[in-house]
């Protein structure tokens, strides 16, 4: 018998594995923040909005905006994301599923 057939994770999903290891919520939060940062950067690029202009529109500093755009920094407040979305003419939608 091969070692693959003895592996209890064969056939399980990544979500199941992360839940078993207690890392699902942290991983999900990181992924959500990374996607939001990417979408915000895309919206800025589409609208040709510089970081300086974006910070001005949000009423914040460039350093604060850099933290918001950093996919590794998952400490962001909801009101900050709302300001950022509105600054590029977008809406932020959240949903509990």
C-alpha atoms as a PDB file:
ATOM      1  CA  UNK A   1       0.000   0.000   0.000  1.00  0.00           C
ATOM      2  CA  UNK A   2       1.394   3.433  -0.868  1.00  0.00           C
ATOM      3  CA  UNK A   3       1.864   6.154   1.718  1.00  0.00           C
ATOM      4  CA  UNK A   4      -0.641   8.339  -0.157  1.00  0.00           C
ATOM      5  CA  UNK A   5      -3.551   6.046   0.694  1.00  0.00           C
ATOM      6  CA  UNK A   6      -2.679   6.281   4.391  1.00  0.00           C
ATOM      7  CA  UNK A   7      -2.799  10.081   4.358  1.00  0.00           C
ATOM      8  CA  UNK A   8      -6.004  11.221   6.132  1.00  0.00           C
ATOM      9  CA  UNK A   9      -5.998  14.494   4.158  1.00  0.00           C
ATOM     10  CA  UNK A  10      -6.233  12.915   0.704  1.00  0.00           C
ATOM     11  CA  UNK A  11      -9.550  13.977  -0.748  1.00  0.00           C
ATOM     12  CA  UNK A  12     -10.168  16.670   1.860  1.00  0.00           C
ATOM     13  CA  UNK A  13     -10.434  20.331   0.957  1.00  0.00           C
ATOM     14  CA  UNK A  14      -7.983  23.044   1.871  1.00  0.00           C
ATOM     15  CA  UNK A  15     -10.740  24.589   3.984  1.00  0.00           C
ATOM     16  CA  UNK A  16     -11.109  21.351   5.972  1.00  0.00           C
ATOM     17  CA  UNK A  17      -7.358  21.132   6.506  1.00  0.00           C
ATOM     18  CA  UNK A  18      -7.129  24.752   7.682  1.00  0.00           C
ATOM     19  CA  UNK A  19     -10.078  24.221  10.040  1.00  0.00           C
ATOM     20  CA  UNK A  20      -8.435  21.086  11.484  1.00  0.00           C
ATOM     21  CA  UNK A  21      -5.253  23.071  12.089  1.00  0.00           C
ATOM     22  CA  UNK A  22      -7.154  26.011  13.594  1.00  0.00           C
ATOM     23  CA  UNK A  23      -5.883  28.401  10.927  1.00  0.00           C
ATOM     24  CA  UNK A  24      -9.003  28.897   8.803  1.00  0.00           C
ATOM     25  CA  UNK A  25     -10.193  32.229  10.236  1.00  0.00           C
ATOM     26  CA  UNK A  26      -6.738  33.807  10.137  1.00  0.00           C
ATOM     27  CA  UNK A  27      -6.121  32.580   6.596  1.00  0.00           C
ATOM     28  CA  UNK A  28      -9.539  33.775   5.453  1.00  0.00           C
ATOM     29  CA  UNK A  29      -9.008  37.230   7.001  1.00  0.00           C
ATOM     30  CA  UNK A  30      -5.641  37.517   5.278  1.00  0.00           C
ATOM     31  CA  UNK A  31      -7.131  36.494   1.923  1.00  0.00           C
ATOM     32  CA  UNK A  32     -10.013  38.964   2.215  1.00  0.00           C
ATOM     33  CA  UNK A  33      -7.649  41.825   3.058  1.00  0.00           C
ATOM     34  CA  UNK A  34      -5.335  40.915   0.188  1.00  0.00           C
ATOM     35  CA  UNK A  35      -8.234  40.930  -2.279  1.00  0.00           C
ATOM     36  CA  UNK A  36      -9.562  44.248  -0.955  1.00  0.00           C
ATOM     37  CA  UNK A  37      -6.110  45.831  -1.220  1.00  0.00           C
ATOM     38  CA  UNK A  38      -5.765  44.530  -4.788  1.00  0.00           C
ATOM     39  CA  UNK A  39      -9.232  45.782  -5.778  1.00  0.00           C
ATOM     40  CA  UNK A  40      -8.547  49.186  -4.281  1.00  0.00           C
ATOM     41  CA  UNK A  41      -5.226  49.434  -6.113  1.00  0.00           C
ATOM     42  CA  UNK A  42      -6.952  48.415  -9.373  1.00  0.00           C
ATOM     43  CA  UNK A  43      -9.619  51.099  -8.880  1.00  0.00           C
ATOM     44  CA  UNK A  44      -6.919  53.691  -8.218  1.00  0.00           C
ATOM     45  CA  UNK A  45      -5.056  52.647 -11.360  1.00  0.00           C
ATOM     46  CA  UNK A  46      -8.232  52.724 -13.474  1.00  0.00           C
ATOM     47  CA  UNK A  47      -9.054  56.214 -12.233  1.00  0.00           C
ATOM     48  CA  UNK A  48      -5.418  57.320 -12.460  1.00  0.00           C
ATOM     49  CA  UNK A  49      -5.516  58.282  -8.780  1.00  0.00           C
ATOM     50  CA  UNK A  50      -2.091  58.669  -7.192  1.00  0.00           C
ATOM     51  CA  UNK A  51      -1.389  57.681  -3.619  1.00  0.00           C
ATOM     52  CA  UNK A  52      -1.072  61.326  -2.649  1.00  0.00           C
ATOM     53  CA  UNK A  53      -4.427  62.157  -4.210  1.00  0.00           C
ATOM     54  CA  UNK A  54      -6.041  59.103  -2.656  1.00  0.00           C
ATOM     55  CA  UNK A  55      -4.775  60.046   0.793  1.00  0.00           C
ATOM     56  CA  UNK A  56      -6.078  63.581   0.294  1.00  0.00           C
ATOM     57  CA  UNK A  57      -9.512  62.284  -0.735  1.00  0.00           C
ATOM     58  CA  UNK A  58      -9.632  60.050   2.315  1.00  0.00           C
ATOM     59  CA  UNK A  59      -8.380  62.746   4.663  1.00  0.00           C
ATOM     60  CA  UNK A  60      -5.472  60.605   5.790  1.00  0.00           C
ATOM     61  CA  UNK A  61      -1.717  60.280   5.417  1.00  0.00           C
ATOM     62  CA  UNK A  62       0.247  58.471   2.724  1.00  0.00           C
ATOM     63  CA  UNK A  63       1.656  56.186   5.413  1.00  0.00           C
ATOM     64  CA  UNK A  64      -1.861  55.203   6.490  1.00  0.00           C
ATOM     65  CA  UNK A  65      -2.824  54.574   2.859  1.00  0.00           C
ATOM     66  CA  UNK A  66       0.295  52.438   2.361  1.00  0.00           C
ATOM     67  CA  UNK A  67      -0.800  50.266   5.296  1.00  0.00           C
ATOM     68  CA  UNK A  68      -4.257  49.963   3.751  1.00  0.00           C
ATOM     69  CA  UNK A  69      -2.780  48.902   0.394  1.00  0.00           C
ATOM     70  CA  UNK A  70      -0.385  46.412   2.006  1.00  0.00           C
ATOM     71  CA  UNK A  71      -1.899  42.927   1.546  1.00  0.00           C
ATOM     72  CA  UNK A  72       0.183  41.659   4.473  1.00  0.00           C
ATOM     73  CA  UNK A  73      -1.344  44.169   6.896  1.00  0.00           C
ATOM     74  CA  UNK A  74      -4.736  42.776   7.854  1.00  0.00           C
ATOM     75  CA  UNK A  75      -5.444  45.399  10.509  1.00  0.00           C
ATOM     76  CA  UNK A  76      -7.888  47.694   8.814  1.00  0.00           C
ATOM     77  CA  UNK A  77     -11.046  49.284  10.108  1.00  0.00           C
ATOM     78  CA  UNK A  78     -14.335  49.105   8.297  1.00  0.00           C
ATOM     79  CA  UNK A  79     -14.749  52.882   8.203  1.00  0.00           C
ATOM     80  CA  UNK A  80     -11.318  53.191   6.561  1.00  0.00           C
ATOM     81  CA  UNK A  81     -12.287  50.727   3.828  1.00  0.00           C
ATOM     82  CA  UNK A  82     -15.547  52.621   3.290  1.00  0.00           C
ATOM     83  CA  UNK A  83     -13.649  55.908   2.905  1.00  0.00           C
ATOM     84  CA  UNK A  84     -11.249  54.277   0.464  1.00  0.00           C
ATOM     85  CA  UNK A  85     -14.060  52.797  -1.622  1.00  0.00           C
ATOM     86  CA  UNK A  86     -15.872  56.121  -1.798  1.00  0.00           C
ATOM     87  CA  UNK A  87     -12.639  57.940  -2.675  1.00  0.00           C
ATOM     88  CA  UNK A  88     -12.462  55.939  -5.920  1.00  0.00           C
ATOM     89  CA  UNK A  89     -16.201  56.096  -6.608  1.00  0.00           C
ATOM     90  CA  UNK A  90     -16.962  52.578  -5.442  1.00  0.00           C
ATOM     91  CA  UNK A  91     -19.123  50.964  -2.798  1.00  0.00           C
ATOM     92  CA  UNK A  92     -18.043  48.402  -0.239  1.00  0.00           C
ATOM     93  CA  UNK A  93     -20.382  45.441   0.154  1.00  0.00           C
ATOM     94  CA  UNK A  94     -20.178  43.077   3.102  1.00  0.00           C
ATOM     95  CA  UNK A  95     -22.332  40.019   3.550  1.00  0.00           C
ATOM     96  CA  UNK A  96     -22.815  37.374   6.198  1.00  0.00           C
ATOM     97  CA  UNK A  97     -23.338  33.993   4.607  1.00  0.00           C
END
